[in-house]
Amino acid sequence: MNKNKELYQQQVIKVCAQVGKILVASGAEIPRVEQTVEYIGKSANVDISCYVTLSAVFIDSGDGMASHFVKVQLKGFNLQKVDEINHLSRSFQEGSITFTQLAKQVEIISEQVIDFPKRYKVLGAGLVSVTPMMVFTATWVDLALAFFIGMIGYSTLHTIERRTTVPYIKEALSSFIIATLASIVTLVGLGQSSSSIILCALMPLVPGLSITNSLREIISRHTISGMMRAVDAVLTAGAIGSGVILATSLTNQLLGGV
């Protein structure tokens, strides 16, 4: 293999590893990550193999002459980054952009902070909290309470997330705040059903995407990553449940119950 071809191969592998890292860190499914990375390599005329877990991306050339390893740190979900990477991948496969343009855009996406303003996310959390209340045919007062308590719980989640890296503590404390507020407003006569308010206000905290992805990965025979994601979702749900149990128990003891 001549020097220029070897350098090009290494560059392709490096870009593919960066693509895989962005996709995994943004919450993409593991089978889709491997598929996207290998498609990019194929479109760049480089035979590569890709193996991905939730904590690492391994890229290897078909001839075994080059390999690359990238450690991944999960940061929640950012589906907008996933969409932008997928769009770039399709454009490169169709020949709309060159490999150099692809590499530059991937670097930009990697460094770019793509997120919605906090006020929009908090408002969205309130709307998500209200939706399940329709199933319970709740009163308008309970709907309003679920809306505001859901927003407070989600705001608490983001505030704690910025101040600590301890896993699952933000879910536990946020659910504790939600259950405490729901119990208090019901106790003073503002709400009718504390359990319905708690259940609905917790919806923005539930790891629904993690559960869905874990099932899809297990079905796709990516058992290791699927089980890892499932365990994380179970621990998150456990933290939420423990916060609710602690809050309702304290309310029963200190305020006479709901």
C-alpha atoms as a PDB file:
ATOM      1  CA  MET A   1       0.000   0.000   0.000  1.00  0.00           C
ATOM      2  CA  ASN A   2       1.475   3.381  -0.996  1.00  0.00           C
ATOM      3  CA  LYS A   3       1.847   6.198   1.501  1.00  0.00           C
ATOM      4  CA  ASN A   4      -0.972   8.390   0.151  1.00  0.00           C
ATOM      5  CA  LYS A   5      -3.470   5.533   0.159  1.00  0.00           C
ATOM      6  CA  GLU A   6      -2.478   4.598   3.703  1.00  0.00           C
ATOM      7  CA  LEU A   7      -2.933   8.182   4.923  1.00  0.00           C
ATOM      8  CA  TYR A   8      -6.321   8.396   3.188  1.00  0.00           C
ATOM      9  CA  GLN A   9      -7.408   5.127   4.787  1.00  0.00           C
ATOM     10  CA  GLN A  10      -6.402   6.377   8.236  1.00  0.00           C
ATOM     11  CA  GLN A  11      -8.284   9.627   7.665  1.00  0.00           C
ATOM     12  CA  VAL A  12     -11.443   7.764   6.622  1.00  0.00           C
ATOM     13  CA  ILE A  13     -11.230   5.500   9.676  1.00  0.00           C
ATOM     14  CA  LYS A  14     -10.743   8.511  11.954  1.00  0.00           C
ATOM     15  CA  VAL A  15     -13.779  10.321  10.511  1.00  0.00           C
ATOM     16  CA  CYS A  16     -15.880   7.148  10.733  1.00  0.00           C
ATOM     17  CA  ALA A  17     -14.898   6.752  14.391  1.00  0.00           C
ATOM     18  CA  GLN A  18     -15.899  10.353  15.056  1.00  0.00           C
ATOM     19  CA  VAL A  19     -19.252   9.766  13.349  1.00  0.00           C
ATOM     20  CA  GLY A  20     -19.823   6.683  15.491  1.00  0.00           C
ATOM     21  CA  LYS A  21     -18.928   8.573  18.653  1.00  0.00           C
ATOM     22  CA  ILE A  22     -21.382  11.395  17.874  1.00  0.00           C
ATOM     23  CA  LEU A  23     -24.201   8.976  17.089  1.00  0.00           C
ATOM     24  CA  VAL A  24     -23.711   6.831  20.207  1.00  0.00           C
ATOM     25  CA  ALA A  25     -23.335   9.852  22.506  1.00  0.00           C
ATOM     26  CA  SER A  26     -26.509  11.335  21.003  1.00  0.00           C
ATOM     27  CA  GLY A  27     -28.601   8.232  21.695  1.00  0.00           C
ATOM     28  CA  ALA A  28     -28.703   6.474  18.321  1.00  0.00           C
ATOM     29  CA  GLU A  29     -29.378   2.742  18.115  1.00  0.00           C
ATOM     30  CA  ILE A  30     -26.215   0.629  18.002  1.00  0.00           C
ATOM     31  CA  PRO A  31     -27.168  -1.310  14.808  1.00  0.00           C
ATOM     32  CA  ARG A  32     -27.848   1.968  12.981  1.00  0.00           C
ATOM     33  CA  VAL A  33     -24.511   3.378  14.163  1.00  0.00           C
ATOM     34  CA  GLU A  34     -22.572   0.414  12.796  1.00  0.00           C
ATOM     35  CA  GLN A  35     -24.547   0.507   9.555  1.00  0.00           C
ATOM     36  CA  THR A  36     -23.971   4.235   9.038  1.00  0.00           C
ATOM     37  CA  VAL A  37     -20.239   4.002   9.755  1.00  0.00           C
ATOM     38  CA  GLU A  38     -19.726   1.074   7.388  1.00  0.00           C
ATOM     39  CA  TYR A  39     -21.748   2.787   4.642  1.00  0.00           C
ATOM     40  CA  ILE A  40     -19.520   5.856   4.906  1.00  0.00           C
ATOM     41  CA  GLY A  41     -16.418   3.665   4.641  1.00  0.00           C
ATOM     42  CA  LYS A  42     -17.858   1.862   1.625  1.00  0.00           C
ATOM     43  CA  SER A  43     -18.728   5.159  -0.073  1.00  0.00           C
ATOM     44  CA  ALA A  44     -15.154   6.331   0.555  1.00  0.00           C
ATOM     45  CA  ASN A  45     -13.859   3.119  -1.094  1.00  0.00           C
ATOM     46  CA  VAL A  46     -12.345   1.876   2.154  1.00  0.00           C
ATOM     47  CA  ASP A  47     -13.315  -1.546   3.444  1.00  0.00           C
ATOM     48  CA  ILE A  48     -13.888  -1.181   7.181  1.00  0.00           C
ATOM     49  CA  SER A  49     -15.474  -3.148   9.999  1.00  0.00           C
ATOM     50  CA  CYS A  50     -17.203  -1.427  12.886  1.00  0.00           C
ATOM     51  CA  TYR A  51     -18.081  -2.705  16.337  1.00  0.00           C
ATOM     52  CA  VAL A  52     -19.920  -0.415  18.735  1.00  0.00           C
ATOM     53  CA  THR A  53     -20.934  -0.585  22.386  1.00  0.00           C
ATOM     54  CA  LEU A  54     -22.422   2.119  24.596  1.00  0.00           C
ATOM     55  CA  SER A  55     -18.951   3.028  25.847  1.00  0.00           C
ATOM     56  CA  ALA A  56     -16.664   2.589  22.831  1.00  0.00           C
ATOM     57  CA  VAL A  57     -16.395   2.564  19.039  1.00  0.00           C
ATOM     58  CA  PHE A  58     -13.952   0.194  17.317  1.00  0.00           C
ATOM     59  CA  ILE A  59     -13.038   0.706  13.655  1.00  0.00           C
ATOM     60  CA  ASP A  60     -10.783  -1.670  11.729  1.00  0.00           C
ATOM     61  CA  SER A  61      -9.725  -1.735   8.089  1.00  0.00           C
ATOM     62  CA  GLY A  62     -10.526  -4.811   6.057  1.00  0.00           C
ATOM     63  CA  ASP A  63      -6.847  -5.603   5.487  1.00  0.00           C
ATOM     64  CA  GLY A  64      -6.025  -5.235   9.185  1.00  0.00           C
ATOM     65  CA  MET A  65      -3.438  -2.519   8.517  1.00  0.00           C
ATOM     66  CA  ALA A  66      -5.221   0.264  10.413  1.00  0.00           C
ATOM     67  CA  SER A  67      -7.563   0.478  13.372  1.00  0.00           C
ATOM     68  CA  HIS A  68      -9.046   3.138  15.605  1.00  0.00           C
ATOM     69  CA  PHE A  69     -10.633   3.126  19.051  1.00  0.00           C
ATOM     70  CA  VAL A  70     -12.768   5.897  20.531  1.00  0.00           C
ATOM     71  CA  LYS A  71     -14.140   6.013  24.057  1.00  0.00           C
ATOM     72  CA  VAL A  72     -17.713   7.302  24.310  1.00  0.00           C
ATOM     73  CA  GLN A  73     -19.316   9.106  27.212  1.00  0.00           C
ATOM     74  CA  LEU A  74     -23.112   9.034  27.137  1.00  0.00           C
ATOM     75  CA  LYS A  75     -24.707  12.467  27.515  1.00  0.00           C
ATOM     76  CA  GLY A  76     -28.381  11.717  27.161  1.00  0.00           C
ATOM     77  CA  PHE A  77     -30.125  12.145  23.821  1.00  0.00           C
ATOM     78  CA  ASN A  78     -29.713  14.656  21.023  1.00  0.00           C
ATOM     79  CA  LEU A  79     -31.772  13.453  18.085  1.00  0.00           C
ATOM     80  CA  GLN A  80     -31.047  16.628  16.123  1.00  0.00           C
ATOM     81  CA  LYS A  81     -27.363  15.662  15.945  1.00  0.00           C
ATOM     82  CA  VAL A  82     -28.363  12.154  14.893  1.00  0.00           C
ATOM     83  CA  ASP A  83     -30.499  13.615  12.107  1.00  0.00           C
ATOM     84  CA  GLU A  84     -27.695  15.906  10.891  1.00  0.00           C
ATOM     85  CA  ILE A  85     -25.176  13.048  10.799  1.00  0.00           C
ATOM     86  CA  ASN A  86     -27.658  10.844   8.927  1.00  0.00           C
ATOM     87  CA  HIS A  87     -28.264  13.636   6.414  1.00  0.00           C
ATOM     88  CA  LEU A  88     -24.509  14.045   5.877  1.00  0.00           C
ATOM     89  CA  SER A  89     -24.085  10.299   5.470  1.00  0.00           C
ATOM     90  CA  ARG A  90     -26.810  10.104   2.829  1.00  0.00           C
ATOM     91  CA  SER A  91     -25.401  13.121   0.981  1.00  0.00           C
ATOM     92  CA  PHE A  92     -21.943  11.538   0.902  1.00  0.00           C
ATOM     93  CA  GLN A  93     -23.282   8.196  -0.313  1.00  0.00           C
ATOM     94  CA  GLU A  94     -25.206   9.963  -3.087  1.00  0.00           C
ATOM     95  CA  GLY A  95     -22.082  11.878  -4.119  1.00  0.00           C
ATOM     96  CA  SER A  96     -23.545  15.291  -3.259  1.00  0.00           C
ATOM     97  CA  ILE A  97     -20.538  16.143  -1.069  1.00  0.00           C
ATOM     98  CA  THR A  98     -16.890  15.102  -1.087  1.00  0.00           C
ATOM     99  CA  PHE A  99     -15.088  13.288   1.697  1.00  0.00           C
ATOM    100  CA  THR A 100     -13.271  16.497   2.643  1.00  0.00           C
ATOM    101  CA  GLN A 101     -16.594  18.311   3.011  1.00  0.00           C
ATOM    102  CA  LEU A 102     -17.963  15.402   5.042  1.00  0.00           C
ATOM    103  CA  ALA A 103     -14.981  15.495   7.409  1.00  0.00           C
ATOM    104  CA  LYS A 104     -15.341  19.254   7.937  1.00  0.00           C
ATOM    105  CA  GLN A 105     -19.077  19.044   8.622  1.00  0.00           C
ATOM    106  CA  VAL A 106     -18.613  16.139  11.043  1.00  0.00           C
ATOM    107  CA  GLU A 107     -16.049  18.193  12.961  1.00  0.00           C
ATOM    108  CA  ILE A 108     -18.462  21.139  13.110  1.00  0.00           C
ATOM    109  CA  ILE A 109     -21.304  18.944  14.397  1.00  0.00           C
ATOM    110  CA  SER A 110     -18.966  17.387  16.961  1.00  0.00           C
ATOM    111  CA  GLU A 111     -18.048  20.780  18.415  1.00  0.00           C
ATOM    112  CA  GLN A 112     -21.477  22.347  18.007  1.00  0.00           C
ATOM    113  CA  VAL A 113     -23.882  22.543  20.924  1.00  0.00           C
ATOM    114  CA  ILE A 114     -27.285  21.738  19.440  1.00  0.00           C
ATOM    115  CA  ASP A 115     -30.045  22.223  21.958  1.00  0.00           C
ATOM    116  CA  PHE A 116     -33.336  23.994  22.499  1.00  0.00           C
ATOM    117  CA  PRO A 117     -33.636  26.870  24.988  1.00  0.00           C
ATOM    118  CA  LYS A 118     -34.452  25.702  28.490  1.00  0.00           C
ATOM    119  CA  ARG A 119     -37.804  27.547  28.559  1.00  0.00           C
ATOM    120  CA  TYR A 120     -39.008  25.570  25.536  1.00  0.00           C
ATOM    121  CA  LYS A 121     -37.957  22.266  27.071  1.00  0.00           C
ATOM    122  CA  VAL A 122     -39.636  23.124  30.364  1.00  0.00           C
ATOM    123  CA  LEU A 123     -42.834  24.093  28.528  1.00  0.00           C
ATOM    124  CA  GLY A 124     -42.662  20.840  26.575  1.00  0.00           C
ATOM    125  CA  ALA A 125     -42.297  18.918  29.833  1.00  0.00           C
ATOM    126  CA  GLY A 126     -45.478  20.562  31.091  1.00  0.00           C
ATOM    127  CA  LEU A 127     -47.374  19.553  27.958  1.00  0.00           C
ATOM    128  CA  VAL A 128     -46.072  15.983  28.211  1.00  0.00           C
ATOM    129  CA  SER A 129     -47.285  15.893  31.813  1.00  0.00           C
ATOM    130  CA  VAL A 130     -50.782  17.028  30.824  1.00  0.00           C
ATOM    131  CA  THR A 131     -51.316  14.492  28.032  1.00  0.00           C
ATOM    132  CA  PRO A 132     -51.744  11.335  30.192  1.00  0.00           C
ATOM    133  CA  MET A 133     -54.269  13.181  32.361  1.00  0.00           C
ATOM    134  CA  MET A 134     -56.692  12.965  29.431  1.00  0.00           C
ATOM    135  CA  VAL A 135     -56.787   9.196  29.942  1.00  0.00           C
ATOM    136  CA  PHE A 136     -57.787   9.618  33.578  1.00  0.00           C
ATOM    137  CA  THR A 137     -60.541  12.123  32.660  1.00  0.00           C
ATOM    138  CA  ALA A 138     -59.101  14.439  35.294  1.00  0.00           C
ATOM    139  CA  THR A 139     -60.548  17.757  36.393  1.00  0.00           C
ATOM    140  CA  TRP A 140     -59.238  20.986  34.908  1.00  0.00           C
ATOM    141  CA  VAL A 141     -57.578  21.782  38.222  1.00  0.00           C
ATOM    142  CA  ASP A 142     -55.665  18.485  38.229  1.00  0.00           C
ATOM    143  CA  LEU A 143     -54.658  19.129  34.620  1.00  0.00           C
ATOM    144  CA  ALA A 144     -53.234  22.513  35.578  1.00  0.00           C
ATOM    145  CA  LEU A 145     -51.474  21.069  38.617  1.00  0.00           C
ATOM    146  CA  ALA A 146     -49.883  18.292  36.563  1.00  0.00           C
ATOM    147  CA  PHE A 147     -48.742  20.902  34.031  1.00  0.00           C
ATOM    148  CA  PHE A 148     -46.997  23.145  36.555  1.00  0.00           C
ATOM    149  CA  ILE A 149     -45.625  20.372  38.769  1.00  0.00           C
ATOM    150  CA  GLY A 150     -44.269  18.605  35.684  1.00  0.00           C
ATOM    151  CA  MET A 151     -42.457  21.791  34.673  1.00  0.00           C
ATOM    152  CA  ILE A 152     -41.050  22.242  38.182  1.00  0.00           C
ATOM    153  CA  GLY A 153     -39.837  18.634  38.241  1.00  0.00           C
ATOM    154  CA  TYR A 154     -38.143  18.952  34.859  1.00  0.00           C
ATOM    155  CA  SER A 155     -36.519  22.260  35.855  1.00  0.00           C
ATOM    156  CA  THR A 156     -35.213  20.548  38.985  1.00  0.00           C
ATOM    157  CA  LEU A 157     -33.766  17.771  36.836  1.00  0.00           C
ATOM    158  CA  HIS A 158     -31.804  20.239  34.693  1.00  0.00           C
ATOM    159  CA  THR A 159     -30.620  22.274  37.672  1.00  0.00           C
ATOM    160  CA  ILE A 160     -29.253  19.202  39.455  1.00  0.00           C
ATOM    161  CA  GLU A 161     -27.727  17.896  36.217  1.00  0.00           C
ATOM    162  CA  ARG A 162     -25.567  21.027  35.945  1.00  0.00           C
ATOM    163  CA  ARG A 163     -24.363  20.768  39.545  1.00  0.00           C
ATOM    164  CA  THR A 164     -23.520  17.094  39.972  1.00  0.00           C
ATOM    165  CA  THR A 165     -22.325  14.118  37.941  1.00  0.00           C
ATOM    166  CA  VAL A 166     -23.622  11.514  40.398  1.00  0.00           C
ATOM    167  CA  PRO A 167     -25.720   9.091  38.322  1.00  0.00           C
ATOM    168  CA  TYR A 168     -29.456   8.788  38.968  1.00  0.00           C
ATOM    169  CA  ILE A 169     -29.483  11.410  41.735  1.00  0.00           C
ATOM    170  CA  LYS A 170     -31.201  13.973  39.508  1.00  0.00           C
ATOM    171  CA  GLU A 171     -34.075  11.596  38.742  1.00  0.00           C
ATOM    172  CA  ALA A 172     -34.476  10.650  42.405  1.00  0.00           C
ATOM    173  CA  LEU A 173     -34.532  14.249  43.651  1.00  0.00           C
ATOM    174  CA  SER A 174     -36.785  15.463  40.830  1.00  0.00           C
ATOM    175  CA  SER A 175     -39.323  12.709  41.474  1.00  0.00           C
ATOM    176  CA  PHE A 176     -39.124  13.494  45.197  1.00  0.00           C
ATOM    177  CA  ILE A 177     -40.012  17.142  44.485  1.00  0.00           C
ATOM    178  CA  ILE A 178     -42.862  16.126  42.169  1.00  0.00           C
ATOM    179  CA  ALA A 179     -44.398  13.669  44.637  1.00  0.00           C
ATOM    180  CA  THR A 180     -44.039  16.110  47.531  1.00  0.00           C
ATOM    181  CA  LEU A 181     -45.737  18.956  45.658  1.00  0.00           C
ATOM    182  CA  ALA A 182     -48.526  16.694  44.370  1.00  0.00           C
ATOM    183  CA  SER A 183     -49.189  15.364  47.869  1.00  0.00           C
ATOM    184  CA  ILE A 184     -49.228  18.840  49.409  1.00  0.00           C
ATOM    185  CA  VAL A 185     -51.589  20.410  46.855  1.00  0.00           C
ATOM    186  CA  THR A 186     -53.970  17.478  47.269  1.00  0.00           C
ATOM    187  CA  LEU A 187     -53.765  17.682  51.044  1.00  0.00           C
ATOM    188  CA  VAL A 188     -54.719  21.372  51.077  1.00  0.00           C
ATOM    189  CA  GLY A 189     -57.680  20.677  48.792  1.00  0.00           C
ATOM    190  CA  LEU A 190     -56.420  22.065  45.478  1.00  0.00           C
ATOM    191  CA  GLY A 191     -56.187  18.697  43.750  1.00  0.00           C
ATOM    192  CA  GLN A 192     -58.350  15.594  43.811  1.00  0.00           C
ATOM    193  CA  SER A 193     -55.991  12.722  42.950  1.00  0.00           C
ATOM    194  CA  SER A 194     -52.361  12.955  44.044  1.00  0.00           C
ATOM    195  CA  SER A 195     -51.508   9.608  42.434  1.00  0.00           C
ATOM    196  CA  SER A 196     -52.735  10.774  39.011  1.00  0.00           C
ATOM    197  CA  ILE A 197     -50.858  14.067  39.310  1.00  0.00           C
ATOM    198  CA  ILE A 198     -47.658  12.275  40.352  1.00  0.00           C
ATOM    199  CA  LEU A 199     -47.914   9.690  37.591  1.00  0.00           C
ATOM    200  CA  CYS A 200     -48.437  12.294  34.880  1.00  0.00           C
ATOM    201  CA  ALA A 201     -45.873  14.813  36.157  1.00  0.00           C
ATOM    202  CA  LEU A 202     -43.249  12.041  36.142  1.00  0.00           C
ATOM    203  CA  MET A 203     -43.670  11.376  32.408  1.00  0.00           C
ATOM    204  CA  PRO A 204     -40.856  13.763  31.303  1.00  0.00           C
ATOM    205  CA  LEU A 205     -38.448  11.849  33.559  1.00  0.00           C
ATOM    206  CA  VAL A 206     -39.311   8.356  32.323  1.00  0.00           C
ATOM    207  CA  PRO A 207     -36.500   6.810  30.179  1.00  0.00           C
ATOM    208  CA  GLY A 208     -38.844   5.822  27.358  1.00  0.00           C
ATOM    209  CA  LEU A 209     -36.297   6.205  24.556  1.00  0.00           C
ATOM    210  CA  SER A 210     -33.732   4.106  26.435  1.00  0.00           C
ATOM    211  CA  ILE A 211     -36.270   1.335  26.943  1.00  0.00           C
ATOM    212  CA  THR A 212     -37.313   1.407  23.277  1.00  0.00           C
ATOM    213  CA  ASN A 213     -33.720   1.389  22.005  1.00  0.00           C
ATOM    214  CA  SER A 214     -32.727  -1.430  24.355  1.00  0.00           C
ATOM    215  CA  LEU A 215     -35.569  -3.620  23.061  1.00  0.00           C
ATOM    216  CA  ARG A 216     -34.709  -2.870  19.434  1.00  0.00           C
ATOM    217  CA  GLU A 217     -31.029  -3.641  20.054  1.00  0.00           C
ATOM    218  CA  ILE A 218     -31.797  -6.927  21.807  1.00  0.00           C
ATOM    219  CA  ILE A 219     -34.125  -7.924  18.954  1.00  0.00           C
ATOM    220  CA  SER A 220     -31.310  -7.046  16.508  1.00  0.00           C
ATOM    221  CA  ARG A 221     -29.028  -9.424  18.485  1.00  0.00           C
ATOM    222  CA  HIS A 222     -26.893  -6.614  19.879  1.00  0.00           C
ATOM    223  CA  THR A 223     -27.412  -8.186  23.270  1.00  0.00           C
ATOM    224  CA  ILE A 224     -24.571  -6.529  25.184  1.00  0.00           C
ATOM    225  CA  SER A 225     -25.480  -2.944  24.313  1.00  0.00           C
ATOM    226  CA  GLY A 226     -29.194  -3.722  24.628  1.00  0.00           C
ATOM    227  CA  MET A 227     -28.783  -5.156  28.112  1.00  0.00           C
ATOM    228  CA  MET A 228     -26.527  -2.268  29.171  1.00  0.00           C
ATOM    229  CA  ARG A 229     -29.130   0.240  28.048  1.00  0.00           C
ATOM    230  CA  ALA A 230     -31.930  -1.772  29.679  1.00  0.00           C
ATOM    231  CA  VAL A 231     -30.075  -1.890  33.005  1.00  0.00           C
ATOM    232  CA  ASP A 232     -29.535   1.869  32.842  1.00  0.00           C
ATOM    233  CA  ALA A 233     -33.249   2.390  32.170  1.00  0.00           C
ATOM    234  CA  VAL A 234     -34.213   0.101  35.059  1.00  0.00           C
ATOM    235  CA  LEU A 235     -31.885   1.938  37.445  1.00  0.00           C
ATOM    236  CA  THR A 236     -33.326   5.265  36.294  1.00  0.00           C
ATOM    237  CA  ALA A 237     -36.857   3.988  36.870  1.00  0.00           C
ATOM    238  CA  GLY A 238     -35.764   2.695  40.273  1.00  0.00           C
ATOM    239  CA  ALA A 239     -34.392   6.112  41.205  1.00  0.00           C
ATOM    240  CA  ILE A 240     -37.682   7.733  40.167  1.00  0.00           C
ATOM    241  CA  GLY A 241     -39.690   5.213  42.155  1.00  0.00           C
ATOM    242  CA  SER A 242     -37.542   5.585  45.260  1.00  0.00           C
ATOM    243  CA  GLY A 243     -37.984   9.355  45.178  1.00  0.00           C
ATOM    244  CA  VAL A 244     -41.765   8.996  44.978  1.00  0.00           C
ATOM    245  CA  ILE A 245     -41.913   6.411  47.766  1.00  0.00           C
ATOM    246  CA  LEU A 246     -39.756   8.529  50.070  1.00  0.00           C
ATOM    247  CA  ALA A 247     -41.801  11.668  49.383  1.00  0.00           C
ATOM    248  CA  THR A 248     -45.180  10.033  49.943  1.00  0.00           C
ATOM    249  CA  SER A 249     -43.939   8.308  53.113  1.00  0.00           C
ATOM    250  CA  LEU A 250     -42.657  11.575  54.565  1.00  0.00           C
ATOM    251  CA  THR A 251     -45.889  13.334  53.610  1.00  0.00           C
ATOM    252  CA  ASN A 252     -47.947  10.661  55.347  1.00  0.00           C
ATOM    253  CA  GLN A 253     -45.892  10.951  58.521  1.00  0.00           C
ATOM    254  CA  LEU A 254     -45.426  14.721  58.690  1.00  0.00           C
ATOM    255  CA  LEU A 255     -48.673  16.034  57.207  1.00  0.00           C
ATOM    256  CA  GLY A 256     -51.119  13.306  58.033  1.00  0.00           C
ATOM    257  CA  GLY A 257     -51.278  11.629  54.626  1.00  0.00           C
ATOM    258  CA  VAL A 258     -53.185  12.308  51.444  1.00  0.00           C
END
